[in-house]
Protein backbone atom coordinates (compact mmCIF):
# COMPACT_ATOMS: atom_id res chain seq x y z
CA MET A 1 26.34 18.62 -0.57
CA SER A 2 24.53 15.38 -1.27
CA ARG A 3 24.92 12.23 -3.28
CA ILE A 4 22.78 12.10 -6.40
CA PHE A 5 20.26 9.27 -6.46
CA GLU A 6 18.73 7.86 -9.61
CA ILE A 7 15.47 6.14 -8.73
CA LYS A 8 12.89 4.20 -10.70
CA THR A 9 9.28 4.59 -9.63
CA THR A 10 6.85 2.03 -11.03
CA ILE A 11 3.09 1.75 -10.50
CA ILE A 12 2.62 -1.75 -9.14
CA GLY A 13 0.18 -3.79 -11.21
CA SER A 14 0.66 -1.80 -14.41
CA THR A 15 1.25 -3.98 -17.47
CA PRO A 16 3.17 -2.92 -19.42
CA PRO A 17 4.81 -0.95 -16.60
CA ILE A 18 4.04 2.72 -16.01
CA TYR A 19 7.25 4.14 -14.60
CA ARG A 20 9.44 7.22 -14.22
CA VAL A 21 13.20 7.46 -13.69
CA ILE A 22 14.17 10.48 -11.59
CA LYS A 23 17.49 12.00 -10.52
CA LEU A 24 17.40 13.86 -7.22
CA ASN A 25 19.45 14.62 -4.15
CA GLY A 26 19.86 11.69 -1.78
CA ASP A 27 19.09 13.97 1.15
CA THR A 28 15.61 14.78 -0.19
CA ASN A 29 13.04 14.25 2.55
CA LEU A 30 10.05 12.00 1.95
CA GLN A 31 7.57 14.89 1.96
CA ILE A 32 9.41 16.42 -1.01
CA LEU A 33 9.63 12.97 -2.63
CA HIS A 34 5.83 12.79 -2.34
CA GLU A 35 5.58 16.11 -4.21
CA ILE A 36 8.05 14.85 -6.83
CA LEU A 37 5.98 11.72 -7.41
CA GLN A 38 2.81 13.79 -7.72
CA ALA A 39 4.54 15.91 -10.37
CA VAL A 40 5.93 13.11 -12.52
CA PHE A 41 2.73 11.06 -12.41
CA ASN A 42 0.65 14.18 -13.14
CA TRP A 43 -1.56 13.85 -10.07
CA GLY A 44 -3.07 16.70 -8.08
CA ASN A 45 -2.03 15.93 -4.48
CA VAL A 46 -5.64 15.76 -3.28
CA HIS A 47 -5.51 12.43 -1.42
CA LEU A 48 -3.71 10.97 1.57
CA HIS A 49 -0.49 9.03 1.12
CA TYR A 50 2.19 7.17 3.03
CA PHE A 51 5.56 5.53 2.52
CA SER A 52 6.42 2.08 3.84
CA ASP A 53 9.11 -0.54 3.65
CA LEU A 54 8.48 -3.75 1.71
CA SER A 55 7.09 -5.40 4.85
CA GLY A 56 4.37 -2.77 5.06
CA ASN A 57 5.82 -0.89 8.04
CA ILE A 58 4.84 2.75 7.63
CA ILE A 59 7.73 5.22 7.59
CA LYS A 60 6.82 8.06 9.94
CA GLY A 61 8.10 11.62 10.06
CA GLU A 62 8.29 12.32 6.33
CA GLU A 63 9.71 15.82 6.75
CA GLN A 64 12.56 14.51 8.89
CA THR A 65 13.18 11.23 7.02
CA LEU A 66 15.73 11.47 4.21
CA LEU A 67 15.65 9.28 1.14
CA CYS A 68 19.27 8.24 1.74
CA ASP A 69 18.28 6.89 5.17
CA VAL A 70 15.55 4.54 3.91
CA LEU A 71 16.42 3.63 0.31
CA THR A 72 19.33 1.40 -0.63
CA ASP A 73 20.07 -0.72 -3.68
CA LYS A 74 18.89 -3.77 -1.74
CA LYS A 75 15.98 -2.14 0.04
CA PRO A 76 13.28 -0.42 -2.06
CA ILE A 77 10.44 1.49 -0.45
CA VAL A 78 6.75 1.74 -1.34
CA TYR A 79 4.63 4.86 -1.85
CA VAL A 80 0.85 4.54 -1.54
CA TYR A 81 -1.34 7.39 -2.75
CA ASP A 82 -5.14 7.68 -2.53
CA TYR A 83 -6.40 5.06 -0.11
CA GLY A 84 -9.50 4.50 -2.29
CA ASP A 85 -7.70 3.83 -5.57
CA SER A 86 -4.57 2.60 -3.77
CA TRP A 87 -1.98 3.74 -6.28
CA THR A 88 1.03 1.77 -5.09
CA ILE A 89 4.44 2.73 -6.40
CA ASN A 90 7.64 0.78 -5.98
CA VAL A 91 10.60 3.14 -5.43
CA GLU A 92 13.94 1.52 -6.18
CA LEU A 93 17.47 2.88 -6.26
CA LEU A 94 19.14 2.46 -9.65
CA ASN A 95 22.29 4.46 -9.01
CA ASN A 96 23.93 6.26 -6.12
CA ASP A 97 26.46 8.75 -7.50
CA SER A 98 29.44 8.96 -5.19
CA GLN A 99 30.22 12.54 -6.19
CA ASN A 100 28.75 15.04 -3.81
CA SER A 101 26.78 17.77 -5.56
CA ARG A 102 23.29 19.30 -5.66
CA ILE A 103 20.70 19.16 -8.41
CA ARG A 104 17.05 19.98 -8.92
CA PRO A 105 14.91 16.87 -9.38
CA ILE A 106 14.68 15.85 -13.03
CA CYS A 107 12.79 13.08 -14.80
CA THR A 108 15.20 11.37 -17.19
CA SER A 109 12.86 8.77 -18.68
CA GLY A 110 9.52 7.07 -18.34
CA GLU A 111 6.94 4.97 -20.08
CA ARG A 112 3.21 5.29 -20.55
CA GLN A 113 0.76 7.93 -19.45
CA SER A 114 -0.29 8.05 -15.81
CA PRO A 115 -3.80 6.97 -14.93
CA PRO A 116 -6.11 9.82 -13.93
CA GLU A 117 -6.90 10.25 -10.26
CA ASP A 118 -10.14 8.72 -8.98
CA CYS A 119 -10.50 6.31 -11.91
CA GLY A 120 -10.77 3.25 -9.67
CA GLY A 121 -7.16 2.17 -9.31
CA MET A 122 -5.47 -0.18 -11.76
CA VAL A 123 -8.64 -2.26 -12.24
CA GLY A 124 -10.72 0.83 -13.07
CA TYR A 125 -7.97 2.15 -15.32
CA GLU A 126 -7.70 -1.11 -17.25
CA ASP A 127 -11.50 -1.29 -17.61
CA ALA A 128 -11.55 2.28 -18.95
CA LEU A 129 -8.76 1.50 -21.42
CA ASP A 130 -10.70 -1.52 -22.64
CA LEU A 131 -13.81 0.62 -23.14
CA LEU A 132 -11.81 3.25 -25.00
CA LYS A 133 -10.15 0.65 -27.19
CA HIS A 134 -13.53 -0.68 -28.33
CA HIS A 135 -15.53 2.54 -28.00
CA ASN A 136 -18.18 4.04 -30.14
CA THR A 137 -20.36 7.10 -29.58
CA ASN A 138 -22.94 5.11 -27.59
CA THR A 139 -20.26 3.68 -25.29
CA LEU A 140 -18.97 7.14 -24.41
CA ARG A 141 -22.54 8.39 -23.83
CA LYS A 142 -23.16 5.46 -21.49
CA TYR A 143 -19.99 6.22 -19.53
CA PRO A 144 -19.75 10.03 -19.41
CA LEU A 145 -16.97 10.08 -16.79
CA ILE A 146 -14.78 7.95 -19.06
CA ALA A 147 -15.33 10.41 -21.88
CA GLU A 148 -14.63 13.35 -19.54
CA TRP A 149 -11.47 11.90 -17.99
CA TYR A 150 -9.90 10.43 -21.08
CA GLY A 151 -11.44 11.99 -24.18
CA GLU A 152 -11.64 10.20 -27.50
CA ASP A 153 -7.96 10.55 -28.38
CA TYR A 154 -6.42 9.29 -25.12
CA ASP A 155 -3.21 7.37 -25.76
CA PRO A 156 -2.11 5.28 -22.76
CA GLU A 157 1.31 4.73 -24.33
CA TYR A 158 2.11 8.46 -24.56
CA PHE A 159 4.39 10.02 -21.94
CA ASP A 160 5.56 13.62 -22.23
CA ILE A 161 8.76 14.03 -20.24
CA ASN A 162 8.64 17.81 -20.75
CA ILE A 163 5.35 18.06 -18.86
CA ALA A 164 6.82 16.01 -16.02
CA ASN A 165 9.91 18.22 -15.84
CA ASN A 166 7.87 21.43 -16.03
CA ARG A 167 5.84 20.22 -13.06
CA LEU A 168 9.05 19.29 -11.22
CA ALA A 169 10.41 22.81 -11.80
CA ASN A 170 7.51 24.19 -9.75
CA ILE A 171 8.36 22.22 -6.61
CA VAL A 172 9.73 24.35 -3.79
CA LEU A 173 12.70 22.53 -2.29
CA ARG A 174 13.16 23.03 1.45
């Protein structure tokens, strides 16, 4: 049995914030947490990552390190994904349910669509959103990757919790 954690994961530098709230077992190891974050942010797990404390000290041994051992209400952790784009996510504990039970990870809320991988980090994402906001056919021809990644009807405010939870359902818990 495990305590149930409710965590908020926010992409640092996103304004307004891009975040997900997730309920999961407190004894989830950090390798599984990595897979959970990939699922809820709709990324493909194709880049390196690490977890650290707020001082930047890397947390080693992800398969052996449990969330309940490194995350407290006073001590968030940081997840960095894709060393090129440097997606940096603040992981904070919102609630620590004292009842011992087991659940599958579930996304309970969130805001805004996740940036696509390899778009240049938050700066590249914001530049792309600005282009899309003021786009015309010539703009999209000039920037074919923007058109390919986002399409003409991309809505940065849209978040589909069902997609996030469907992706979470495919994670193999160990």
